[in-house]
Amino acid sequence: MYVAELRILAQTCGFCGCLHNLLIRDKVVLSVQDASTCKRSLRQHKLTLAKCIEIMKSEAVSVTQMKHMYQQDKLEDVHKVNSSTYTWP
């Protein structure tokens, strides 16, 4: 969605059409909040907008998966604590 909005803005900026993807790519890379994602993008040789979007999507999926795994670990720890400390009458 962010890239779609940038594409619309790029049409009104008055730059050559051939620069639009490069400018959008640069804006996306520089707007990233996560330093490691930004570094990963900047390390790419001949980074294209498509590759940039792919990196951003894969990082977002990774973060979501890590959060889910962390939550699962926490739930398992809670169940372990509850089952081991409870004594049956």
N, C-alpha and C. Protein backbone atom coordinates (compact mmCIF):
# COMPACT_ATOMS: atom_id res chain seq x y z
N MET A 1 0.83 -1.17 0.00
CA MET A 1 0.00 0.00 0.00
C MET A 1 0.89 1.25 0.00
N TYR A 2 1.93 1.23 0.80
CA TYR A 2 2.84 2.37 0.88
C TYR A 2 3.48 2.65 -0.48
N VAL A 3 3.87 1.59 -1.18
CA VAL A 3 4.50 1.75 -2.49
C VAL A 3 3.49 2.29 -3.49
N ALA A 4 2.25 1.85 -3.40
CA ALA A 4 1.21 2.35 -4.30
C ALA A 4 1.02 3.86 -4.12
N GLU A 5 1.03 4.29 -2.87
CA GLU A 5 0.90 5.73 -2.61
C GLU A 5 2.12 6.49 -3.14
N LEU A 6 3.29 5.91 -3.00
CA LEU A 6 4.50 6.56 -3.53
C LEU A 6 4.45 6.65 -5.05
N ARG A 7 3.90 5.62 -5.68
CA ARG A 7 3.78 5.65 -7.16
C ARG A 7 2.89 6.81 -7.60
N ILE A 8 1.80 7.03 -6.88
CA ILE A 8 0.90 8.14 -7.21
C ILE A 8 1.61 9.47 -7.02
N LEU A 9 2.32 9.60 -5.92
CA LEU A 9 3.07 10.84 -5.67
C LEU A 9 4.17 11.06 -6.71
N ALA A 10 4.80 9.99 -7.15
CA ALA A 10 5.89 10.10 -8.12
C ALA A 10 5.40 10.63 -9.46
N GLN A 11 4.15 10.36 -9.79
CA GLN A 11 3.60 10.84 -11.06
C GLN A 11 3.47 12.36 -11.08
N THR A 12 3.34 12.96 -9.91
CA THR A 12 3.14 14.41 -9.85
C THR A 12 4.42 15.18 -9.51
N CYS A 13 5.55 14.47 -9.36
CA CYS A 13 6.76 15.14 -8.91
C CYS A 13 7.50 15.87 -10.03
N GLY A 14 7.20 15.56 -11.27
CA GLY A 14 7.83 16.26 -12.39
C GLY A 14 9.16 15.67 -12.82
N PHE A 15 9.58 14.55 -12.24
CA PHE A 15 10.81 13.90 -12.65
C PHE A 15 10.55 13.03 -13.87
N CYS A 16 11.60 12.66 -14.53
CA CYS A 16 11.53 11.74 -15.66
C CYS A 16 10.92 10.42 -15.19
N GLY A 17 10.06 9.84 -16.00
CA GLY A 17 9.41 8.59 -15.65
C GLY A 17 10.39 7.47 -15.34
N CYS A 18 11.56 7.52 -15.97
CA CYS A 18 12.55 6.46 -15.73
C CYS A 18 13.13 6.52 -14.32
N LEU A 19 12.97 7.63 -13.63
CA LEU A 19 13.50 7.77 -12.27
C LEU A 19 12.50 7.34 -11.19
N HIS A 20 11.25 7.19 -11.54
CA HIS A 20 10.21 6.90 -10.55
C HIS A 20 10.54 5.69 -9.69
N ASN A 21 10.87 4.55 -10.33
CA ASN A 21 11.15 3.34 -9.56
C ASN A 21 12.38 3.52 -8.67
N LEU A 22 13.39 4.22 -9.17
CA LEU A 22 14.59 4.45 -8.35
C LEU A 22 14.28 5.32 -7.14
N LEU A 23 13.50 6.36 -7.35
CA LEU A 23 13.15 7.24 -6.24
C LEU A 23 12.25 6.54 -5.23
N ILE A 24 11.31 5.75 -5.72
CA ILE A 24 10.44 5.00 -4.82
C ILE A 24 11.26 4.00 -4.02
N ARG A 25 12.17 3.30 -4.69
CA ARG A 25 13.05 2.35 -4.01
C ARG A 25 13.84 3.03 -2.90
N ASP A 26 14.42 4.18 -3.23
CA ASP A 26 15.21 4.91 -2.23
C ASP A 26 14.36 5.35 -1.05
N LYS A 27 13.16 5.81 -1.31
CA LYS A 27 12.26 6.25 -0.24
C LYS A 27 11.88 5.08 0.65
N VAL A 28 11.60 3.93 0.06
CA VAL A 28 11.24 2.74 0.83
C VAL A 28 12.40 2.33 1.73
N VAL A 29 13.59 2.26 1.17
CA VAL A 29 14.77 1.85 1.95
C VAL A 29 15.03 2.82 3.09
N LEU A 30 14.94 4.11 2.81
CA LEU A 30 15.23 5.11 3.83
C LEU A 30 14.12 5.25 4.87
N SER A 31 12.94 4.73 4.58
CA SER A 31 11.81 4.81 5.51
C SER A 31 11.72 3.64 6.46
N VAL A 32 12.56 2.65 6.25
CA VAL A 32 12.51 1.44 7.08
C VAL A 32 12.92 1.78 8.51
N GLN A 33 12.12 1.32 9.47
CA GLN A 33 12.40 1.57 10.88
C GLN A 33 13.47 0.63 11.44
N ASP A 34 13.53 -0.57 10.90
CA ASP A 34 14.46 -1.58 11.40
C ASP A 34 15.82 -1.43 10.73
N ALA A 35 16.85 -1.22 11.52
CA ALA A 35 18.19 -0.98 10.99
C ALA A 35 18.73 -2.19 10.24
N SER A 36 18.45 -3.40 10.71
CA SER A 36 18.98 -4.59 10.03
C SER A 36 18.33 -4.77 8.66
N THR A 37 17.06 -4.44 8.53
CA THR A 37 16.38 -4.52 7.23
C THR A 37 16.96 -3.49 6.27
N CYS A 38 17.20 -2.31 6.78
CA CYS A 38 17.80 -1.26 5.96
C CYS A 38 19.19 -1.68 5.48
N LYS A 39 19.99 -2.24 6.38
CA LYS A 39 21.34 -2.71 6.01
C LYS A 39 21.26 -3.81 4.97
N ARG A 40 20.33 -4.74 5.16
CA ARG A 40 20.17 -5.84 4.21
C ARG A 40 19.85 -5.30 2.81
N SER A 41 19.00 -4.29 2.75
CA SER A 41 18.65 -3.68 1.46
C SER A 41 19.85 -2.97 0.84
N LEU A 42 20.57 -2.24 1.66
CA LEU A 42 21.71 -1.46 1.15
C LEU A 42 22.86 -2.35 0.71
N ARG A 43 22.95 -3.56 1.24
CA ARG A 43 24.01 -4.48 0.84
C ARG A 43 23.78 -5.11 -0.54
N GLN A 44 22.55 -5.03 -1.02
CA GLN A 44 22.21 -5.66 -2.30
C GLN A 44 22.88 -4.94 -3.46
N HIS A 45 23.52 -5.72 -4.32
CA HIS A 45 24.13 -5.15 -5.52
C HIS A 45 23.04 -4.90 -6.55
N LYS A 46 22.98 -3.70 -7.08
CA LYS A 46 21.96 -3.31 -8.06
C LYS A 46 20.55 -3.58 -7.54
N LEU A 47 20.24 -2.99 -6.41
CA LEU A 47 18.92 -3.16 -5.80
C LEU A 47 17.84 -2.54 -6.69
N THR A 48 16.87 -3.35 -7.03
CA THR A 48 15.73 -2.86 -7.81
C THR A 48 14.55 -2.64 -6.87
N LEU A 49 13.55 -1.95 -7.35
CA LEU A 49 12.35 -1.74 -6.54
C LEU A 49 11.69 -3.08 -6.22
N ALA A 50 11.63 -3.97 -7.20
CA ALA A 50 11.02 -5.28 -6.98
C ALA A 50 11.76 -6.06 -5.89
N LYS A 51 13.08 -6.05 -5.94
CA LYS A 51 13.88 -6.75 -4.94
C LYS A 51 13.71 -6.09 -3.56
N CYS A 52 13.64 -4.78 -3.55
CA CYS A 52 13.43 -4.03 -2.32
C CYS A 52 12.10 -4.43 -1.67
N ILE A 53 11.06 -4.49 -2.46
CA ILE A 53 9.74 -4.89 -1.95
C ILE A 53 9.79 -6.32 -1.44
N GLU A 54 10.47 -7.19 -2.16
CA GLU A 54 10.62 -8.58 -1.73
C GLU A 54 11.31 -8.68 -0.37
N ILE A 55 12.36 -7.90 -0.18
CA ILE A 55 13.09 -7.89 1.09
C ILE A 55 12.19 -7.40 2.21
N MET A 56 11.46 -6.32 1.96
CA MET A 56 10.57 -5.76 2.99
C MET A 56 9.48 -6.76 3.38
N LYS A 57 8.91 -7.44 2.39
CA LYS A 57 7.87 -8.43 2.67
C LYS A 57 8.44 -9.60 3.46
N SER A 58 9.61 -10.09 3.06
CA SER A 58 10.19 -11.24 3.76
C SER A 58 10.55 -10.87 5.19
N GLU A 59 11.02 -9.66 5.41
CA GLU A 59 11.33 -9.22 6.77
C GLU A 59 10.06 -9.11 7.61
N ALA A 60 8.99 -8.60 7.02
CA ALA A 60 7.73 -8.48 7.75
C ALA A 60 7.19 -9.86 8.13
N VAL A 61 7.29 -10.81 7.22
CA VAL A 61 6.84 -12.17 7.50
C VAL A 61 7.71 -12.79 8.59
N SER A 62 9.01 -12.56 8.53
CA SER A 62 9.92 -13.10 9.54
C SER A 62 9.59 -12.56 10.93
N VAL A 63 9.32 -11.28 11.01
CA VAL A 63 8.99 -10.66 12.30
C VAL A 63 7.70 -11.27 12.84
N THR A 64 6.71 -11.43 11.98
CA THR A 64 5.44 -12.02 12.40
C THR A 64 5.64 -13.45 12.89
N GLN A 65 6.43 -14.23 12.15
CA GLN A 65 6.68 -15.61 12.55
C GLN A 65 7.44 -15.68 13.87
N MET A 66 8.41 -14.80 14.05
CA MET A 66 9.17 -14.79 15.30
C MET A 66 8.27 -14.44 16.48
N LYS A 67 7.39 -13.48 16.31
CA LYS A 67 6.46 -13.12 17.38
C LYS A 67 5.57 -14.31 17.72
N HIS A 68 5.08 -14.98 16.69
CA HIS A 68 4.20 -16.13 16.90
C HIS A 68 4.96 -17.25 17.63
N MET A 69 6.18 -17.53 17.23
CA MET A 69 6.98 -18.56 17.88
C MET A 69 7.26 -18.20 19.33
N TYR A 70 7.54 -16.93 19.58
CA TYR A 70 7.83 -16.49 20.94
C TYR A 70 6.59 -16.64 21.81
N GLN A 71 5.44 -16.29 21.27
CA GLN A 71 4.19 -16.44 22.02
C GLN A 71 3.90 -17.90 22.31
N GLN A 72 4.16 -18.78 21.34
CA GLN A 72 3.94 -20.21 21.54
C GLN A 72 4.85 -20.73 22.65
N ASP A 73 6.12 -20.29 22.65
CA ASP A 73 7.05 -20.71 23.70
C ASP A 73 6.56 -20.26 25.06
N LYS A 74 6.05 -19.04 25.13
CA LYS A 74 5.54 -18.52 26.40
C LYS A 74 4.34 -19.33 26.88
N LEU A 75 3.43 -19.67 25.96
CA LEU A 75 2.26 -20.46 26.33
C LEU A 75 2.67 -21.84 26.83
N GLU A 76 3.65 -22.46 26.17
CA GLU A 76 4.13 -23.77 26.61
C GLU A 76 4.76 -23.67 27.99
N ASP A 77 5.51 -22.60 28.24
CA ASP A 77 6.12 -22.40 29.55
C ASP A 77 5.05 -22.24 30.63
N VAL A 78 3.98 -21.52 30.31
CA VAL A 78 2.89 -21.34 31.27
C VAL A 78 2.24 -22.68 31.59
N HIS A 79 2.00 -23.48 30.56
CA HIS A 79 1.39 -24.78 30.78
C HIS A 79 2.30 -25.69 31.60
N LYS A 80 3.58 -25.62 31.36
CA LYS A 80 4.53 -26.42 32.14
C LYS A 80 4.48 -26.03 33.61
N VAL A 81 4.48 -24.73 33.86
CA VAL A 81 4.45 -24.24 35.24
C VAL A 81 3.15 -24.65 35.91
N ASN A 82 2.04 -24.46 35.24
CA ASN A 82 0.75 -24.80 35.82
C ASN A 82 0.61 -26.29 36.09
N SER A 83 1.07 -27.12 35.19
CA SER A 83 0.91 -28.56 35.38
C SER A 83 1.88 -29.12 36.41
N SER A 84 3.03 -28.52 36.56
CA SER A 84 4.00 -29.05 37.51
C SER A 84 3.76 -28.57 38.93
N THR A 85 3.13 -27.43 39.11
CA THR A 85 2.93 -26.91 40.45
C THR A 85 1.59 -27.30 41.05
N TYR A 86 0.70 -27.76 40.24
CA TYR A 86 -0.63 -28.12 40.73
C TYR A 86 -0.60 -29.52 41.30
N THR A 87 -1.09 -29.66 42.47
CA THR A 87 -1.18 -30.99 43.08
C THR A 87 -2.62 -31.43 43.11
N TRP A 88 -2.84 -32.65 42.74
CA TRP A 88 -4.19 -33.19 42.70
C TRP A 88 -4.60 -33.63 44.11
N PRO A 89 -5.84 -33.37 44.46
CA PRO A 89 -6.30 -33.75 45.82
C PRO A 89 -6.39 -35.24 46.00
